[in-house]
Amino acid sequence: MSAALLILRLIAGAFMLTHGWGKFQMLTGDGSNHFPSVLGMGSTASLTLAVLAEFFASILLIFGLATRIAAIPLLITMLVAALVIHSADPFSAKELPLMYSTIYLVILILGAGRYSLDRMISKK
């Protein structure tokens, strides 16, 4: 089980990190005006929240540090992507964020597993 959670964390975290890195570059390069405003927050706030989730929370997920806490913004971001950003799109556009949502929900429920910094810290 712990090996499976490690693989899930590493792959989901690394894949999402690539999305987050592009958004991080948009944020630092003032590309926020090209990012959609979500729930009336404005483009910059929406982009900042996406970067916090997709980039920084993905790093925490990869290392298994504060794993359940890191899974929450990732889960919310993917649900917003599927149900708000792509609400009018066909299911094929919603499928990937819904798949990520499922992965983050499983990680939220099960935690990081034995091979994580969370486990190392809790043993001390």
Protein backbone atom coordinates (compact mmCIF):
# COMPACT_ATOMS: atom_id res chain seq x y z
CA MET A 1 0.00 0.00 0.00
CA SER A 2 2.76 2.46 0.93
CA ALA A 3 4.66 1.73 -2.27
CA ALA A 4 1.50 2.37 -4.29
CA LEU A 5 0.93 5.66 -2.46
CA LEU A 6 4.53 6.67 -3.12
CA ILE A 7 4.13 5.98 -6.84
CA LEU A 8 0.80 7.83 -6.91
CA ARG A 9 2.26 10.85 -5.08
CA LEU A 10 5.38 11.00 -7.24
CA ILE A 11 3.60 10.69 -10.57
CA ALA A 12 0.61 12.92 -9.78
CA GLY A 13 2.88 15.49 -8.13
CA ALA A 14 5.39 15.54 -10.98
CA PHE A 15 2.73 15.73 -13.68
CA MET A 16 0.87 18.54 -11.90
CA LEU A 17 4.15 20.33 -11.23
CA THR A 18 4.58 20.78 -14.98
CA HIS A 19 1.23 22.59 -15.12
CA GLY A 20 2.13 24.63 -12.06
CA TRP A 21 5.53 25.62 -13.46
CA GLY A 22 3.91 27.18 -16.54
CA LYS A 23 1.50 29.12 -14.34
CA PHE A 24 4.35 30.13 -12.00
CA GLN A 25 6.17 31.60 -15.02
CA MET A 26 2.98 33.44 -16.02
CA LEU A 27 2.71 34.86 -12.50
CA THR A 28 6.33 36.03 -12.31
CA GLY A 29 6.26 37.29 -15.88
CA ASP A 30 3.05 39.31 -15.42
CA GLY A 31 1.05 36.99 -17.65
CA SER A 32 -1.84 36.99 -15.21
CA ASN A 33 -3.99 39.03 -17.61
CA HIS A 34 -4.22 35.92 -19.81
CA PHE A 35 -5.52 33.75 -16.95
CA PRO A 36 -9.29 33.43 -16.42
CA SER A 37 -10.88 35.13 -13.45
CA VAL A 38 -12.47 32.41 -11.34
CA LEU A 39 -15.52 33.06 -9.17
CA GLY A 40 -15.05 36.82 -9.50
CA MET A 41 -11.60 36.86 -7.85
CA GLY A 42 -9.78 38.49 -10.71
CA SER A 43 -7.08 37.04 -12.93
CA THR A 44 -4.12 37.67 -10.63
CA ALA A 45 -5.77 36.15 -7.55
CA SER A 46 -7.00 33.15 -9.53
CA LEU A 47 -3.56 32.58 -11.01
CA THR A 48 -1.87 32.96 -7.61
CA LEU A 49 -4.15 30.33 -6.06
CA ALA A 50 -3.55 27.98 -8.98
CA VAL A 51 0.23 28.42 -8.59
CA LEU A 52 0.05 27.78 -4.85
CA ALA A 53 -1.81 24.55 -5.50
CA GLU A 54 -0.29 23.23 -8.72
CA PHE A 55 3.31 24.24 -8.05
CA PHE A 56 3.94 24.49 -4.32
CA ALA A 57 1.43 21.89 -3.09
CA SER A 58 2.72 19.48 -5.75
CA ILE A 59 6.22 19.81 -4.32
CA LEU A 60 4.88 19.00 -0.85
CA LEU A 61 3.00 16.04 -2.30
CA ILE A 62 6.11 14.66 -4.00
CA PHE A 63 8.07 14.73 -0.75
CA GLY A 64 5.15 13.51 1.31
CA LEU A 65 5.27 16.57 3.56
CA ALA A 66 1.97 17.85 4.95
CA THR A 67 0.48 15.51 2.39
CA ARG A 68 -3.18 15.62 3.40
CA ILE A 69 -3.07 19.41 3.73
CA ALA A 70 -1.35 19.70 0.32
CA ALA A 71 -3.99 17.48 -1.28
CA ILE A 72 -6.80 19.89 -0.32
CA PRO A 73 -5.84 22.86 -2.56
CA LEU A 74 -4.96 20.44 -5.36
CA LEU A 75 -8.37 18.78 -5.08
CA ILE A 76 -10.17 22.14 -5.00
CA THR A 77 -8.19 23.47 -7.97
CA MET A 78 -8.99 20.42 -10.08
CA LEU A 79 -12.67 20.54 -9.16
CA VAL A 80 -12.79 24.23 -10.11
CA ALA A 81 -11.05 23.43 -13.40
CA ALA A 82 -13.52 20.66 -14.20
CA LEU A 83 -16.74 22.19 -12.91
CA VAL A 84 -16.22 25.92 -13.41
CA ILE A 85 -13.57 26.60 -16.06
CA HIS A 86 -14.67 23.72 -18.31
CA SER A 87 -18.34 23.71 -17.31
CA ALA A 88 -19.58 24.37 -20.84
CA ASP A 89 -17.02 22.08 -22.47
CA PRO A 90 -17.56 18.44 -23.42
CA PHE A 91 -16.69 15.71 -20.94
CA SER A 92 -13.33 15.12 -22.63
CA ALA A 93 -12.18 18.55 -21.38
CA LYS A 94 -13.32 17.73 -17.84
CA GLU A 95 -11.91 14.21 -17.76
CA LEU A 96 -8.29 15.04 -16.82
CA PRO A 97 -9.10 17.41 -13.95
CA LEU A 98 -11.67 14.92 -12.66
CA MET A 99 -9.05 12.16 -12.79
CA TYR A 100 -6.62 14.34 -10.84
CA SER A 101 -9.45 15.13 -8.38
CA THR A 102 -9.92 11.42 -7.77
CA ILE A 103 -6.20 10.93 -7.16
CA TYR A 104 -6.05 13.83 -4.71
CA LEU A 105 -9.15 12.58 -2.90
CA VAL A 106 -7.54 9.17 -2.44
CA ILE A 107 -4.34 10.79 -1.13
CA LEU A 108 -6.40 13.00 1.19
CA ILE A 109 -8.15 9.93 2.62
CA LEU A 110 -5.15 7.56 2.84
CA GLY A 111 -2.33 10.00 3.55
CA ALA A 112 1.26 9.78 2.34
CA GLY A 113 2.10 6.24 3.38
CA ARG A 114 5.26 4.86 4.93
CA TYR A 115 7.69 6.35 2.38
CA SER A 116 7.22 10.04 3.14
CA LEU A 117 8.58 12.90 5.19
CA ASP A 118 5.28 12.89 7.10
CA ARG A 119 6.10 9.39 8.35
CA MET A 120 9.70 10.30 9.20
CA ILE A 121 8.56 13.32 11.20
CA SER A 122 5.82 11.45 13.03
CA LYS A 123 8.29 8.78 14.16
CA LYS A 124 10.45 11.36 15.97
